[in-house]
Amino acid sequence: MASTLADINSQIKKHDEQIAQLRKQAEDLRNQERAGVIEELRKKIAEFGLTASDLKLGGRGAAAKRSAGAAAPKAAAKYRGPTGETWSGGRGRKPRWVTEALAAGKSLSDYEIK
Protein backbone atom coordinates (compact mmCIF):
# COMPACT_ATOMS: atom_id res chain seq x y z
CA MET A 1 0.00 0.00 0.00
CA ALA A 2 1.23 3.48 -0.85
CA SER A 3 2.48 5.42 2.13
CA THR A 4 2.87 8.94 0.79
CA LEU A 5 1.02 11.32 -1.44
CA ALA A 6 3.86 11.16 -3.96
CA ASP A 7 3.50 7.34 -4.13
CA ILE A 8 -0.25 7.64 -4.72
CA ASN A 9 0.21 10.28 -7.42
CA SER A 10 2.82 8.06 -9.09
CA GLN A 11 0.41 5.13 -9.13
CA ILE A 12 -2.37 7.34 -10.54
CA LYS A 13 -0.08 8.52 -13.33
CA LYS A 14 0.91 4.93 -14.14
CA HIS A 15 -2.74 3.86 -14.29
CA ASP A 16 -3.66 6.89 -16.42
CA GLU A 17 -0.96 5.87 -18.92
CA GLN A 18 -2.30 2.29 -18.95
CA ILE A 19 -5.84 3.57 -19.49
CA ALA A 20 -4.67 5.72 -22.41
CA GLN A 21 -2.89 2.72 -23.96
CA LEU A 22 -5.98 0.53 -23.55
CA ARG A 23 -8.21 3.21 -25.12
CA LYS A 24 -5.82 3.47 -28.07
CA GLN A 25 -5.88 -0.33 -28.49
CA ALA A 26 -9.68 -0.35 -28.32
CA GLU A 27 -9.88 2.42 -30.95
CA ASP A 28 -7.48 0.55 -33.25
CA LEU A 29 -9.51 -2.66 -32.90
CA ARG A 30 -12.75 -0.81 -33.61
CA ASN A 31 -11.28 0.75 -36.73
CA GLN A 32 -10.11 -2.68 -37.95
CA GLU A 33 -13.54 -4.21 -37.30
CA ARG A 34 -15.22 -1.24 -38.99
CA ALA A 35 -13.04 -1.63 -42.08
CA GLY A 36 -14.01 -5.31 -42.24
CA VAL A 37 -17.70 -4.52 -41.93
CA ILE A 38 -17.47 -1.85 -44.63
CA GLU A 39 -15.71 -4.24 -47.00
CA GLU A 40 -18.30 -6.95 -46.33
CA LEU A 41 -21.15 -4.50 -46.97
CA ARG A 42 -19.56 -3.30 -50.22
CA LYS A 43 -19.35 -6.89 -51.44
CA LYS A 44 -23.01 -7.55 -50.56
CA ILE A 45 -24.12 -4.30 -52.21
CA ALA A 46 -22.24 -5.21 -55.38
CA GLU A 47 -23.47 -8.81 -55.28
CA PHE A 48 -27.12 -7.81 -55.04
CA GLY A 49 -26.88 -4.62 -57.09
CA LEU A 50 -28.29 -2.46 -54.30
CA THR A 51 -28.61 1.31 -54.59
CA ALA A 52 -28.74 4.11 -52.02
CA SER A 53 -32.47 4.30 -52.69
CA ASP A 54 -32.88 0.58 -51.90
CA LEU A 55 -31.12 1.16 -48.60
CA LYS A 56 -33.13 4.33 -47.94
CA LEU A 57 -29.95 6.39 -47.61
CA GLY A 58 -31.37 9.41 -49.41
CA GLY A 59 -28.29 9.73 -51.60
CA ARG A 60 -26.83 12.56 -49.53
CA GLY A 61 -24.57 10.66 -47.16
CA ALA A 62 -24.30 12.15 -43.70
CA ALA A 63 -26.51 15.08 -44.70
CA ALA A 64 -29.44 12.66 -45.04
CA LYS A 65 -29.64 12.32 -41.28
CA ARG A 66 -32.36 14.56 -39.87
CA SER A 67 -31.23 16.82 -37.10
CA ALA A 68 -33.29 18.59 -34.48
CA GLY A 69 -33.26 21.68 -36.67
CA ALA A 70 -34.31 19.93 -39.85
CA ALA A 71 -36.72 21.72 -42.14
CA ALA A 72 -40.42 21.11 -41.66
CA PRO A 73 -42.33 19.33 -44.43
CA LYS A 74 -43.60 21.55 -47.23
CA ALA A 75 -47.15 22.81 -46.66
CA ALA A 76 -49.85 22.57 -49.31
CA ALA A 77 -50.33 25.69 -51.42
CA LYS A 78 -53.38 27.81 -50.58
CA TYR A 79 -52.78 30.75 -52.94
CA ARG A 80 -51.72 30.99 -56.60
CA GLY A 81 -50.20 34.16 -58.01
CA PRO A 82 -50.91 35.79 -61.37
CA THR A 83 -48.00 33.99 -63.07
CA GLY A 84 -48.56 30.58 -61.43
CA GLU A 85 -46.39 30.90 -58.34
CA THR A 86 -47.84 29.43 -55.14
CA TRP A 87 -47.78 30.21 -51.43
CA SER A 88 -49.00 28.18 -48.46
CA GLY A 89 -49.98 31.27 -46.49
CA GLY A 90 -48.33 31.56 -43.15
CA ARG A 91 -44.81 30.15 -43.17
CA GLY A 92 -42.06 32.71 -43.43
CA ARG A 93 -42.26 36.03 -45.22
CA LYS A 94 -44.96 36.76 -47.72
CA PRO A 95 -43.74 36.38 -51.30
CA ARG A 96 -43.18 39.56 -53.28
CA TRP A 97 -46.19 38.91 -55.51
CA VAL A 98 -48.43 38.75 -52.41
CA THR A 99 -47.12 41.98 -50.88
CA GLU A 100 -47.39 43.77 -54.23
CA ALA A 101 -50.96 42.54 -54.75
CA LEU A 102 -52.00 43.59 -51.24
CA ALA A 103 -50.38 47.02 -51.76
CA ALA A 104 -52.35 47.36 -54.99
CA GLY A 105 -55.62 46.86 -53.09
CA LYS A 106 -56.21 43.16 -53.86
CA SER A 107 -57.15 40.66 -51.17
CA LEU A 108 -55.79 37.19 -50.48
CA SER A 109 -59.19 35.70 -51.28
CA ASP A 110 -58.62 36.82 -54.89
CA TYR A 111 -55.74 34.36 -55.11
CA GLU A 112 -57.15 31.39 -53.18
CA ILE A 113 -56.79 27.99 -54.83
CA LYS A 114 -60.27 26.47 -54.99
C-alpha atoms as a PDB file:
ATOM      1  CA  MET A   1       0.000   0.000   0.000  1.00  0.00           C
ATOM      2  CA  ALA A   2       1.230   3.481  -0.848  1.00  0.00           C
ATOM      3  CA  SER A   3       2.480   5.419   2.133  1.00  0.00           C
ATOM      4  CA  THR A   4       2.874   8.938   0.785  1.00  0.00           C
ATOM      5  CA  LEU A   5       1.017  11.322  -1.445  1.00  0.00           C
ATOM      6  CA  ALA A   6       3.859  11.159  -3.957  1.00  0.00           C
ATOM      7  CA  ASP A   7       3.501   7.342  -4.129  1.00  0.00           C
ATOM      8  CA  ILE A   8      -0.247   7.638  -4.722  1.00  0.00           C
ATOM      9  CA  ASN A   9       0.213  10.282  -7.425  1.00  0.00           C
ATOM     10  CA  SER A  10       2.822   8.062  -9.088  1.00  0.00           C
ATOM     11  CA  GLN A  11       0.405   5.133  -9.134  1.00  0.00           C
ATOM     12  CA  ILE A  12      -2.373   7.338 -10.543  1.00  0.00           C
ATOM     13  CA  LYS A  13      -0.080   8.522 -13.328  1.00  0.00           C
ATOM     14  CA  LYS A  14       0.913   4.930 -14.137  1.00  0.00           C
ATOM     15  CA  HIS A  15      -2.738   3.862 -14.288  1.00  0.00           C
ATOM     16  CA  ASP A  16      -3.664   6.893 -16.422  1.00  0.00           C
ATOM     17  CA  GLU A  17      -0.960   5.866 -18.915  1.00  0.00           C
ATOM     18  CA  GLN A  18      -2.301   2.290 -18.949  1.00  0.00           C
ATOM     19  CA  ILE A  19      -5.840   3.573 -19.490  1.00  0.00           C
ATOM     20  CA  ALA A  20      -4.667   5.723 -22.407  1.00  0.00           C
ATOM     21  CA  GLN A  21      -2.892   2.720 -23.961  1.00  0.00           C
ATOM     22  CA  LEU A  22      -5.978   0.533 -23.554  1.00  0.00           C
ATOM     23  CA  ARG A  23      -8.208   3.207 -25.119  1.00  0.00           C
ATOM     24  CA  LYS A  24      -5.820   3.467 -28.066  1.00  0.00           C
ATOM     25  CA  GLN A  25      -5.884  -0.331 -28.491  1.00  0.00           C
ATOM     26  CA  ALA A  26      -9.681  -0.345 -28.321  1.00  0.00           C
ATOM     27  CA  GLU A  27      -9.878   2.416 -30.953  1.00  0.00           C
ATOM     28  CA  ASP A  28      -7.481   0.552 -33.255  1.00  0.00           C
ATOM     29  CA  LEU A  29      -9.514  -2.664 -32.901  1.00  0.00           C
ATOM     30  CA  ARG A  30     -12.755  -0.813 -33.607  1.00  0.00           C
ATOM     31  CA  ASN A  31     -11.275   0.753 -36.733  1.00  0.00           C
ATOM     32  CA  GLN A  32     -10.111  -2.681 -37.949  1.00  0.00           C
ATOM     33  CA  GLU A  33     -13.543  -4.205 -37.301  1.00  0.00           C
ATOM     34  CA  ARG A  34     -15.223  -1.238 -38.988  1.00  0.00           C
ATOM     35  CA  ALA A  35     -13.040  -1.635 -42.076  1.00  0.00           C
ATOM     36  CA  GLY A  36     -14.008  -5.310 -42.237  1.00  0.00           C
ATOM     37  CA  VAL A  37     -17.705  -4.520 -41.931  1.00  0.00           C
ATOM     38  CA  ILE A  38     -17.473  -1.849 -44.628  1.00  0.00           C
ATOM     39  CA  GLU A  39     -15.710  -4.237 -47.001  1.00  0.00           C
ATOM     40  CA  GLU A  40     -18.297  -6.953 -46.326  1.00  0.00           C
ATOM     41  CA  LEU A  41     -21.150  -4.503 -46.970  1.00  0.00           C
ATOM     42  CA  ARG A  42     -19.562  -3.302 -50.217  1.00  0.00           C
ATOM     43  CA  LYS A  43     -19.348  -6.891 -51.443  1.00  0.00           C
ATOM     44  CA  LYS A  44     -23.007  -7.548 -50.562  1.00  0.00           C
ATOM     45  CA  ILE A  45     -24.124  -4.304 -52.214  1.00  0.00           C
ATOM     46  CA  ALA A  46     -22.240  -5.210 -55.376  1.00  0.00           C
ATOM     47  CA  GLU A  47     -23.465  -8.813 -55.277  1.00  0.00           C
ATOM     48  CA  PHE A  48     -27.122  -7.811 -55.037  1.00  0.00           C
ATOM     49  CA  GLY A  49     -26.885  -4.616 -57.088  1.00  0.00           C
ATOM     50  CA  LEU A  50     -28.287  -2.464 -54.299  1.00  0.00           C
ATOM     51  CA  THR A  51     -28.609   1.315 -54.593  1.00  0.00           C
ATOM     52  CA  ALA A  52     -28.738   4.109 -52.020  1.00  0.00           C
ATOM     53  CA  SER A  53     -32.473   4.297 -52.688  1.00  0.00           C
ATOM     54  CA  ASP A  54     -32.876   0.582 -51.901  1.00  0.00           C
ATOM     55  CA  LEU A  55     -31.122   1.157 -48.597  1.00  0.00           C
ATOM     56  CA  LYS A  56     -33.132   4.334 -47.939  1.00  0.00           C
ATOM     57  CA  LEU A  57     -29.947   6.392 -47.613  1.00  0.00           C
ATOM     58  CA  GLY A  58     -31.365   9.414 -49.409  1.00  0.00           C
ATOM     59  CA  GLY A  59     -28.294   9.728 -51.599  1.00  0.00           C
ATOM     60  CA  ARG A  60     -26.833  12.559 -49.527  1.00  0.00           C
ATOM     61  CA  GLY A  61     -24.568  10.657 -47.158  1.00  0.00           C
ATOM     62  CA  ALA A  62     -24.295  12.152 -43.700  1.00  0.00           C
ATOM     63  CA  ALA A  63     -26.508  15.076 -44.702  1.00  0.00           C
ATOM     64  CA  ALA A  64     -29.439  12.662 -45.037  1.00  0.00           C
ATOM     65  CA  LYS A  65     -29.645  12.317 -41.280  1.00  0.00           C
ATOM     66  CA  ARG A  66     -32.357  14.556 -39.870  1.00  0.00           C
ATOM     67  CA  SER A  67     -31.234  16.823 -37.103  1.00  0.00           C
ATOM     68  CA  ALA A  68     -33.288  18.589 -34.485  1.00  0.00           C
ATOM     69  CA  GLY A  69     -33.256  21.680 -36.671  1.00  0.00           C
ATOM     70  CA  ALA A  70     -34.306  19.926 -39.848  1.00  0.00           C
ATOM     71  CA  ALA A  71     -36.721  21.722 -42.141  1.00  0.00           C
ATOM     72  CA  ALA A  72     -40.417  21.109 -41.661  1.00  0.00           C
ATOM     73  CA  PRO A  73     -42.331  19.328 -44.427  1.00  0.00           C
ATOM     74  CA  LYS A  74     -43.600  21.551 -47.228  1.00  0.00           C
ATOM     75  CA  ALA A  75     -47.152  22.811 -46.665  1.00  0.00           C
ATOM     76  CA  ALA A  76     -49.845  22.569 -49.314  1.00  0.00           C
ATOM     77  CA  ALA A  77     -50.330  25.691 -51.425  1.00  0.00           C
ATOM     78  CA  LYS A  78     -53.376  27.812 -50.577  1.00  0.00           C
ATOM     79  CA  TYR A  79     -52.777  30.746 -52.943  1.00  0.00           C
ATOM     80  CA  ARG A  80     -51.723  30.992 -56.597  1.00  0.00           C
ATOM     81  CA  GLY A  81     -50.205  34.161 -58.006  1.00  0.00           C
ATOM     82  CA  PRO A  82     -50.910  35.794 -61.374  1.00  0.00           C
ATOM     83  CA  THR A  83     -48.004  33.991 -63.070  1.00  0.00           C
ATOM     84  CA  GLY A  84     -48.564  30.579 -61.427  1.00  0.00           C
ATOM     85  CA  GLU A  85     -46.391  30.899 -58.339  1.00  0.00           C
ATOM     86  CA  THR A  86     -47.843  29.431 -55.142  1.00  0.00           C
ATOM     87  CA  TRP A  87     -47.778  30.211 -51.434  1.00  0.00           C
ATOM     88  CA  SER A  88     -48.996  28.179 -48.458  1.00  0.00           C
ATOM     89  CA  GLY A  89     -49.980  31.268 -46.485  1.00  0.00           C
ATOM     90  CA  GLY A  90     -48.331  31.563 -43.152  1.00  0.00           C
ATOM     91  CA  ARG A  91     -44.811  30.149 -43.173  1.00  0.00           C
ATOM     92  CA  GLY A  92     -42.062  32.713 -43.425  1.00  0.00           C
ATOM     93  CA  ARG A  93     -42.260  36.029 -45.218  1.00  0.00           C
ATOM     94  CA  LYS A  94     -44.958  36.764 -47.722  1.00  0.00           C
ATOM     95  CA  PRO A  95     -43.737  36.375 -51.295  1.00  0.00           C
ATOM     96  CA  ARG A  96     -43.185  39.559 -53.282  1.00  0.00           C
ATOM     97  CA  TRP A  97     -46.192  38.911 -55.514  1.00  0.00           C
ATOM     98  CA  VAL A  98     -48.430  38.753 -52.412  1.00  0.00           C
ATOM     99  CA  THR A  99     -47.123  41.980 -50.880  1.00  0.00           C
ATOM    100  CA  GLU A 100     -47.393  43.770 -54.231  1.00  0.00           C
ATOM    101  CA  ALA A 101     -50.962  42.544 -54.746  1.00  0.00           C
ATOM    102  CA  LEU A 102     -51.996  43.592 -51.240  1.00  0.00           C
ATOM    103  CA  ALA A 103     -50.377  47.019 -51.762  1.00  0.00           C
ATOM    104  CA  ALA A 104     -52.354  47.363 -54.992  1.00  0.00           C
ATOM    105  CA  GLY A 105     -55.617  46.861 -53.091  1.00  0.00           C
ATOM    106  CA  LYS A 106     -56.213  43.159 -53.861  1.00  0.00           C
ATOM    107  CA  SER A 107     -57.147  40.660 -51.168  1.00  0.00           C
ATOM    108  CA  LEU A 108     -55.787  37.190 -50.482  1.00  0.00           C
ATOM    109  CA  SER A 109     -59.191  35.703 -51.275  1.00  0.00           C
ATOM    110  CA  ASP A 110     -58.617  36.823 -54.886  1.00  0.00           C
ATOM    111  CA  TYR A 111     -55.739  34.362 -55.107  1.00  0.00           C
ATOM    112  CA  GLU A 112     -57.151  31.392 -53.176  1.00  0.00           C
ATOM    113  CA  ILE A 113     -56.792  27.991 -54.827  1.00  0.00           C
ATOM    114  CA  LYS A 114     -60.270  26.470 -54.989  1.00  0.00           C
END
